[in-house]
Protein backbone atom coordinates (compact mmCIF):
# COMPACT_ATOMS: atom_id res chain seq x y z
CA MET A 1 0.00 0.00 0.00
CA ASN A 2 1.66 3.27 -1.11
CA PHE A 3 1.81 6.58 0.75
CA VAL A 4 -0.75 8.40 -1.44
CA TYR A 5 -3.31 5.59 -1.03
CA ILE A 6 -2.95 5.71 2.77
CA ILE A 7 -3.45 9.50 2.74
CA LYS A 8 -6.61 9.06 0.63
CA ILE A 9 -8.10 6.55 3.06
CA ILE A 10 -7.34 8.72 6.11
CA ILE A 11 -8.77 11.94 4.66
CA CYS A 12 -11.90 10.18 3.34
CA LEU A 13 -12.58 8.71 6.78
CA TYR A 14 -11.99 12.12 8.37
CA ALA A 15 -14.39 13.72 5.84
CA LEU A 16 -17.03 11.09 6.67
CA LEU A 17 -16.67 11.74 10.41
CA PHE A 18 -16.94 15.50 9.87
CA THR A 19 -20.01 15.10 7.62
CA ILE A 20 -21.80 12.95 10.22
CA ILE A 21 -21.07 15.51 12.97
CA LEU A 22 -22.21 18.43 10.76
CA ILE A 23 -25.45 16.76 9.59
CA THR A 24 -26.28 15.59 13.13
CA ASP A 25 -25.89 19.15 14.44
CA CYS A 26 -27.99 20.59 11.59
CA LEU A 27 -30.78 18.06 12.19
CA LYS A 28 -30.84 19.07 15.87
CA HIS A 29 -31.34 22.71 14.85
CA LYS A 30 -33.83 22.47 11.96
CA SER A 31 -35.33 25.80 13.01
CA ASP A 32 -32.16 27.56 11.77
CA PHE A 33 -33.02 26.70 8.18
CA SER A 34 -35.22 28.82 5.93
CA LYS A 35 -35.35 29.83 2.24
CA HIS A 36 -34.07 33.34 2.98
CA ASN A 37 -30.74 34.10 1.23
CA LEU A 38 -30.55 30.52 -0.06
CA PHE A 39 -29.69 31.52 -3.66
CA THR A 40 -27.16 34.08 -2.42
CA LEU A 41 -25.40 31.52 -0.22
CA ALA A 42 -25.38 28.96 -3.05
CA PHE A 43 -23.70 31.46 -5.38
CA ILE A 44 -21.17 32.45 -2.68
CA GLY A 45 -20.26 28.80 -2.16
CA PHE A 46 -19.90 28.02 -5.86
CA PHE A 47 -17.87 31.12 -6.76
CA SER A 48 -15.59 31.22 -3.70
CA ASP A 49 -14.56 27.58 -4.02
CA LEU A 50 -14.16 28.00 -7.78
CA LEU A 51 -11.55 30.69 -7.01
CA ASP A 52 -10.06 28.57 -4.22
CA THR A 53 -9.37 25.71 -6.64
CA TRP A 54 -7.52 28.17 -8.89
CA GLY A 55 -5.31 29.29 -5.99
CA ILE A 56 -6.89 32.69 -5.21
CA GLY A 57 -8.50 31.49 -1.99
CA SER A 58 -12.06 31.22 -0.65
CA PHE A 59 -11.98 32.88 2.77
CA ALA A 60 -11.47 36.48 1.62
CA THR A 61 -14.09 36.17 -1.13
CA CYS A 62 -16.56 34.65 1.32
CA GLN A 63 -15.95 37.29 3.99
CA ALA A 64 -16.58 40.08 1.50
CA ALA A 65 -19.73 38.38 0.16
CA PHE A 66 -21.08 37.81 3.69
CA LYS A 67 -20.48 41.46 4.54
CA PHE A 68 -22.11 42.88 1.40
CA THR A 69 -25.15 40.57 1.44
CA HIS A 70 -25.60 40.43 5.24
CA SER A 71 -25.97 36.65 4.94
CA CYS A 72 -23.84 35.78 8.00
CA SER A 73 -23.27 37.66 11.26
CA ASP A 74 -19.72 38.85 12.00
CA GLU A 75 -19.40 36.92 15.27
CA LYS A 76 -20.24 33.62 13.52
CA MET A 77 -18.10 34.32 10.45
CA PRO A 78 -14.83 32.57 11.50
CA GLY A 79 -16.65 29.36 12.38
CA THR A 80 -18.84 29.51 9.26
CA LEU A 81 -15.83 30.03 6.98
CA ASN A 82 -14.07 26.96 8.37
CA VAL A 83 -17.13 24.68 8.48
CA ALA A 84 -18.46 25.76 5.07
CA HIS A 85 -15.23 25.18 3.13
CA THR A 86 -14.10 21.95 4.79
CA LEU A 87 -15.64 19.46 2.33
CA PRO A 88 -14.77 21.50 -0.82
CA THR A 89 -11.16 21.77 0.40
CA ILE A 90 -10.95 18.02 0.98
CA ALA A 91 -12.32 17.51 -2.55
CA GLU A 92 -9.55 19.78 -3.90
CA PHE A 93 -6.91 17.79 -2.05
CA LEU A 94 -8.17 14.48 -3.45
CA LEU A 95 -8.39 15.85 -7.00
CA PHE A 96 -4.85 17.30 -6.91
CA LEU A 97 -3.26 14.48 -4.93
CA HIS A 98 -1.34 13.33 -8.01
CA LEU A 99 0.77 16.51 -7.69
CA ILE A 100 2.49 15.09 -4.62
CA LYS A 101 6.25 15.04 -5.15
CA ILE A 102 7.16 16.02 -1.61
CA GLU A 103 8.85 13.70 0.86
CA GLY A 104 6.38 11.91 3.12
CA ILE A 105 8.02 12.92 6.43
CA THR A 106 7.98 16.61 5.50
CA LEU A 107 4.32 16.48 4.45
CA ILE A 108 3.21 14.59 7.58
CA PHE A 109 5.03 16.90 10.02
CA LEU A 110 3.82 20.12 8.36
CA ILE A 111 0.21 18.90 8.17
CA SER A 112 0.39 17.80 11.83
CA GLY A 113 1.57 21.27 12.82
CA ALA A 114 -1.35 22.88 10.95
CA ILE A 115 -3.84 20.57 12.69
CA ILE A 116 -2.47 21.41 16.15
CA GLY A 117 -2.59 25.13 15.35
CA ALA A 118 -6.18 24.87 14.09
CA ILE A 119 -7.47 22.99 17.12
CA TYR A 120 -5.79 25.41 19.52
CA GLY A 121 -6.88 28.47 17.51
CA ALA A 122 -10.50 27.37 17.18
CA SER A 123 -10.83 26.79 20.92
CA ILE A 124 -9.76 30.42 21.50
CA VAL A 125 -11.62 32.14 18.65
CA SER A 126 -14.94 30.50 19.58
CA LYS A 127 -14.81 32.49 22.86
CA TRP A 128 -14.04 35.91 21.33
CA SER A 129 -16.40 38.88 21.53
CA PRO A 130 -17.97 40.33 18.33
CA LYS A 131 -15.65 43.37 18.49
CA ILE A 132 -12.47 41.26 18.68
CA ILE A 133 -13.73 39.05 15.85
CA ARG A 134 -14.43 42.06 13.60
CA LEU A 135 -10.98 43.52 14.28
CA ALA A 136 -9.37 40.11 13.62
CA LEU A 137 -11.25 39.69 10.34
CA GLY A 138 -10.29 43.22 9.27
CA PHE A 139 -6.60 42.61 9.93
CA ALA A 140 -6.81 39.16 8.33
CA LEU A 141 -8.09 40.68 5.09
CA ILE A 142 -5.32 43.31 5.05
CA ILE A 143 -2.66 40.60 5.59
CA LEU A 144 -4.14 38.49 2.79
CA ALA A 145 -4.36 41.49 0.46
CA ILE A 146 -0.66 42.26 1.02
CA ILE A 147 0.38 38.63 0.47
CA LEU A 148 -1.75 38.28 -2.67
CA SER A 149 -0.28 41.54 -4.01
CA LEU A 150 3.26 40.22 -3.46
CA LYS A 151 2.28 36.98 -5.16
CA LEU A 152 0.77 38.84 -8.11
CA ALA A 153 3.92 40.97 -8.52
CA HIS A 154 6.29 38.00 -7.88
CA ILE A 155 8.00 39.86 -5.04
CA GLY A 156 9.97 38.21 -2.23
CA PRO A 157 9.51 34.43 -2.03
CA PHE A 158 6.93 34.48 -4.84
CA GLU A 159 9.33 33.97 -7.72
CA LYS A 160 7.95 33.59 -11.22
CA THR A 161 8.54 30.17 -12.77
CA LEU A 162 10.72 30.16 -15.88
CA THR A 163 9.37 29.56 -19.37
CA PRO A 164 10.72 26.52 -21.30
CA GLU A 165 12.74 28.91 -23.49
CA SER A 166 14.28 30.56 -20.41
CA ILE A 167 15.22 27.19 -18.90
CA VAL A 168 17.01 26.13 -22.09
CA HIS A 169 18.70 29.53 -22.39
CA GLU A 170 20.00 29.46 -18.80
CA LEU A 171 21.29 25.89 -19.13
CA THR A 172 23.14 26.50 -22.41
CA ARG A 173 24.51 29.81 -21.11
CA ASN A 174 26.07 27.93 -18.20
CA GLY A 175 27.81 25.31 -20.34
CA PHE A 176 25.17 22.57 -20.58
CA THR A 177 24.30 20.85 -23.88
CA ILE A 178 20.69 19.96 -24.75
CA GLN A 179 20.00 17.85 -27.82
CA ASN A 180 16.70 18.58 -29.61
CA SER A 181 15.95 21.48 -27.25
CA ASP A 182 13.42 22.93 -29.74
CA GLU A 183 11.41 19.71 -29.57
CA TRP A 184 11.42 19.82 -25.75
CA ILE A 185 10.12 23.41 -25.79
CA TYR A 186 7.44 22.52 -28.36
CA HIS A 187 6.20 19.46 -26.45
CA ILE A 188 6.10 21.35 -23.13
CA LYS A 189 3.95 24.06 -24.70
CA ASN A 190 1.70 21.53 -26.46
CA ASN A 191 1.54 18.98 -23.64
CA TYR A 192 -2.21 18.47 -24.14
CA THR A 193 -1.61 16.77 -27.53
CA LEU A 194 0.62 14.04 -26.05
CA SER A 195 -0.17 10.57 -24.72
CA ASP A 196 -0.16 9.97 -20.96
CA THR A 197 3.35 8.48 -21.13
CA GLU A 198 4.70 11.39 -23.18
CA LYS A 199 3.06 13.90 -20.82
CA THR A 200 5.26 12.55 -18.03
CA ILE A 201 8.37 12.85 -20.19
CA TYR A 202 7.52 16.35 -21.37
CA SER A 203 5.97 17.83 -18.20
CA ASP A 204 6.81 21.39 -17.20
CA PRO A 205 9.34 21.26 -14.32
CA SER A 206 7.84 24.50 -12.85
CA ILE A 207 11.19 25.87 -11.76
CA THR A 208 12.26 29.35 -10.67
CA LYS A 209 15.56 31.09 -11.42
CA ASN A 210 17.01 30.40 -7.94
CA GLU A 211 15.91 26.76 -8.10
CA LEU A 212 17.50 26.32 -11.52
CA ASN A 213 20.76 27.77 -10.18
CA SER A 214 20.67 25.19 -7.39
CA VAL A 215 19.96 22.39 -9.88
CA MET A 216 22.83 23.49 -12.13
CA SER A 217 25.18 23.49 -9.14
CA LYS A 218 24.21 19.89 -8.32
CA LEU A 219 24.58 18.81 -11.97
CA LYS A 220 28.05 20.33 -12.21
CA HIS A 221 29.06 18.55 -9.02
CA GLU A 222 27.92 15.24 -10.58
CA GLN A 223 29.65 16.09 -13.87
CA LEU A 224 26.36 15.94 -15.83
CA PHE A 225 26.53 18.38 -18.72
CA SER A 226 24.64 16.77 -21.62
CA PHE A 227 20.92 15.99 -21.97
CA ASN A 228 18.32 15.34 -24.65
CA ASP A 229 14.68 16.33 -25.00
CA ARG A 230 13.45 13.08 -23.41
CA ASN A 231 15.45 13.19 -20.19
CA LEU A 232 15.69 16.93 -19.51
CA THR A 233 12.49 17.22 -17.42
CA SER A 234 13.24 14.13 -15.34
CA THR A 235 16.84 15.25 -14.73
CA ILE A 236 15.70 18.68 -13.51
CA SER A 237 12.93 17.20 -11.34
CA GLU A 238 15.27 14.66 -9.75
CA HIS A 239 17.58 17.47 -8.62
CA LEU A 240 14.89 19.75 -7.15
CA THR A 241 14.31 19.95 -3.40
CA TYR A 242 11.09 18.28 -2.21
CA GLY A 243 11.87 17.72 1.46
CA LEU A 244 12.97 19.60 4.57
CA ASN A 245 15.34 18.45 7.27
CA GLY A 246 17.18 19.85 10.27
CA TYR A 247 16.44 23.44 11.28
CA LYS A 248 14.43 24.08 8.08
CA LEU A 249 11.96 21.34 9.02
CA ILE A 250 11.59 22.84 12.52
CA ILE A 251 10.96 26.31 11.00
CA GLY A 252 8.43 24.81 8.58
CA ILE A 253 6.53 23.04 11.38
CA PHE A 254 6.47 26.20 13.51
CA PHE A 255 5.15 28.44 10.73
CA ASN A 256 2.59 25.91 9.48
CA THR A 257 1.32 25.56 13.07
CA LEU A 258 0.95 29.34 13.19
CA LEU A 259 -0.84 29.36 9.81
CA GLY A 260 -3.20 26.65 11.07
CA ALA A 261 -4.12 28.84 14.04
CA LEU A 262 -4.58 31.91 11.81
CA MET A 263 -6.95 29.93 9.57
CA THR A 264 -9.49 29.97 12.40
CA VAL A 265 -9.70 33.79 12.32
CA GLY A 266 -10.09 34.01 8.56
CA VAL A 267 -6.49 34.18 7.29
CA GLY A 268 -6.43 31.78 4.33
CA LEU A 269 -3.49 29.38 4.35
CA TYR A 270 -2.76 29.00 0.60
CA ALA A 271 -0.75 32.14 -0.23
CA PRO A 272 1.17 32.33 3.10
CA CYS A 273 2.00 28.61 2.84
CA MET A 274 3.30 29.05 -0.71
CA ALA A 275 5.50 31.91 0.50
CA MET A 276 6.85 29.78 3.36
CA VAL A 277 7.56 26.81 1.09
CA SER A 278 9.43 28.97 -1.42
CA ALA A 279 11.39 30.76 1.30
CA LEU A 280 12.56 27.40 2.70
CA GLY A 281 13.90 26.38 -0.71
CA LEU A 282 11.30 23.80 -1.74
CA ASN A 283 10.13 23.58 -5.33
CA VAL A 284 6.88 25.47 -5.96
CA THR A 285 5.02 22.23 -6.80
CA ALA A 286 5.68 21.07 -3.23
CA ALA A 287 3.41 23.91 -2.03
CA PHE A 288 0.26 22.30 -3.48
CA PRO A 289 0.21 19.09 -1.39
CA ILE A 290 1.37 21.02 1.70
CA MET A 291 -1.22 23.81 1.52
CA MET A 292 -4.09 21.61 0.28
CA GLY A 293 -3.18 18.79 2.64
CA SER A 294 -2.84 21.16 5.60
CA CYS A 295 -6.25 22.69 4.94
CA ALA A 296 -7.88 19.32 4.20
CA PHE A 297 -6.80 17.96 7.59
CA LEU A 298 -6.88 21.08 9.76
CA MET A 299 -10.28 22.38 8.66
CA PRO A 300 -12.28 19.39 9.94
CA SER A 301 -10.28 19.62 13.20
CA ALA A 302 -11.09 23.33 13.66
CA SER A 303 -14.63 23.00 12.32
CA ILE A 304 -15.60 20.29 14.78
CA GLN A 305 -14.61 22.71 17.56
CA PHE A 306 -16.85 25.41 16.08
CA ILE A 307 -19.75 22.94 15.60
CA HIS A 308 -19.56 21.82 19.25
CA SER A 309 -19.56 25.44 20.43
CA GLY A 310 -22.41 26.39 18.06
CA LYS A 311 -20.46 29.46 16.87
CA TYR A 312 -21.28 29.11 13.17
CA ASP A 313 -24.21 29.76 10.82
CA ARG A 314 -25.65 26.31 10.07
CA LYS A 315 -27.67 27.25 6.98
CA ALA A 316 -24.79 29.20 5.42
CA ALA A 317 -22.24 26.46 6.18
CA LEU A 318 -24.31 23.61 4.78
CA THR A 319 -25.42 25.51 1.65
CA ILE A 320 -21.89 26.69 0.86
CA SER A 321 -20.51 23.18 1.44
CA ILE A 322 -22.88 21.68 -1.12
CA PHE A 323 -22.51 24.31 -3.84
CA GLY A 324 -18.81 24.80 -3.08
CA LEU A 325 -18.26 21.18 -4.13
CA PHE A 326 -19.81 22.01 -7.51
CA GLY A 327 -17.47 25.00 -7.79
CA VAL A 328 -14.42 22.80 -7.14
CA PHE A 329 -15.36 20.27 -9.82
CA VAL A 330 -16.16 22.97 -12.39
CA ALA A 331 -12.85 24.75 -11.71
CA TYR A 332 -10.93 21.46 -11.93
CA THR A 333 -12.66 20.60 -15.22
CA ILE A 334 -12.26 23.88 -17.12
CA ALA A 335 -9.01 24.93 -15.37
CA ALA A 336 -7.94 28.59 -15.30
CA SER A 337 -9.54 29.78 -18.53
CA LEU A 338 -10.30 33.19 -17.04
CA PRO A 339 -7.66 35.94 -16.59
CA MET A 340 -6.42 35.10 -13.08
CA ASN A 341 -4.38 38.30 -12.70
CA ILE A 342 -7.44 40.50 -13.26
CA LEU A 343 -9.58 38.39 -10.91
CA THR A 344 -6.88 38.56 -8.24
CA ILE A 345 -6.66 42.36 -8.49
CA ILE A 346 -10.44 42.63 -8.12
CA VAL A 347 -10.37 40.32 -5.08
CA ILE A 348 -7.58 42.38 -3.47
CA CYS A 349 -9.58 45.61 -3.89
CA VAL A 350 -12.71 44.00 -2.45
CA MET A 351 -10.69 42.62 0.48
CA LEU A 352 -9.30 46.04 1.41
CA TYR A 353 -12.74 47.68 1.20
CA THR A 354 -14.31 44.89 3.29
CA SER A 355 -11.58 45.20 5.95
CA LEU A 356 -12.54 48.88 6.33
CA LEU A 357 -16.16 47.84 6.89
CA PHE A 358 -15.09 45.42 9.63
CA PHE A 359 -13.04 48.14 11.37
CA LYS A 360 -15.95 50.59 11.05
CA ASP A 361 -18.39 48.11 12.61
CA ALA A 362 -15.92 47.23 15.38
CA LYS A 363 -15.61 50.91 16.29
CA ARG A 364 -19.35 51.11 16.96
CA LEU A 365 -19.16 48.46 19.71
């Protein structure tokens, strides 16, 4: 039984346990359900998880939508965000599980840290006053807006991945020989026309400039200077960093634990996790299993705490869960056919405006 299969079984069982707890709680409080705002909540769930699957995030979008439509009270918002997006996030993790290239020990320890942070954070947040919650949500949106802006501009740890032409250019400029490099570039750009076997051979290594410099250093040390179009991707991938050890692993666990705690107050984990992964020297593809796996495991942990305390909107959470799942599958099917940069800029502007509304409401209390 391989590692990925074990992870699938564990997360499916966890999702089943969470679903039973959520449905049981909803059945006990049938009076909370009405047709009011049902269409609005369905749209919020579908659209926010559509964006989440594309890497923009769901929490900020949901917070803004709740605020503008008055479909969830501020004091119940942290719990509702976590409960509502738990099942869609688990669906994302299962759909993208094939992206796992990270070492098992690194993934397990970072996910464990996120779970501990979420459980601890949820137990605290569920006791906060409405004013503290509004201030926390306002600051959370500002933090997310800054991080998304850095990601959009490729500043700091958010390096832009190199194009196939740039990879070939950098390699040849540093004394490496690539046979049939034009064919490699062509097949990478037209990957969708290839068979499943060829897609593996000609997959995009998703490498940044700093990562390529590290790879070239390793190749020179091993005296590997010549490649062809069929082994270039595999050679690069084999020399990328997909695991943490020593002090870097300790730093990763600490920060992912902190991010797990921040998730409970509305700070989405995706963008901060990607920044952390890049800063620690891991390949960008390692961010996907870490951030999706962390959320898939920590959100049920935090959400169960919120369900037991009753600090969440049951109708909003259940409706968004159902229609959010549709959003995930649609996004996975059609991929990022919309201009992500423009959507991200719009989301950032909405986040900043919504944070001001939270601060304004907090001042009234």
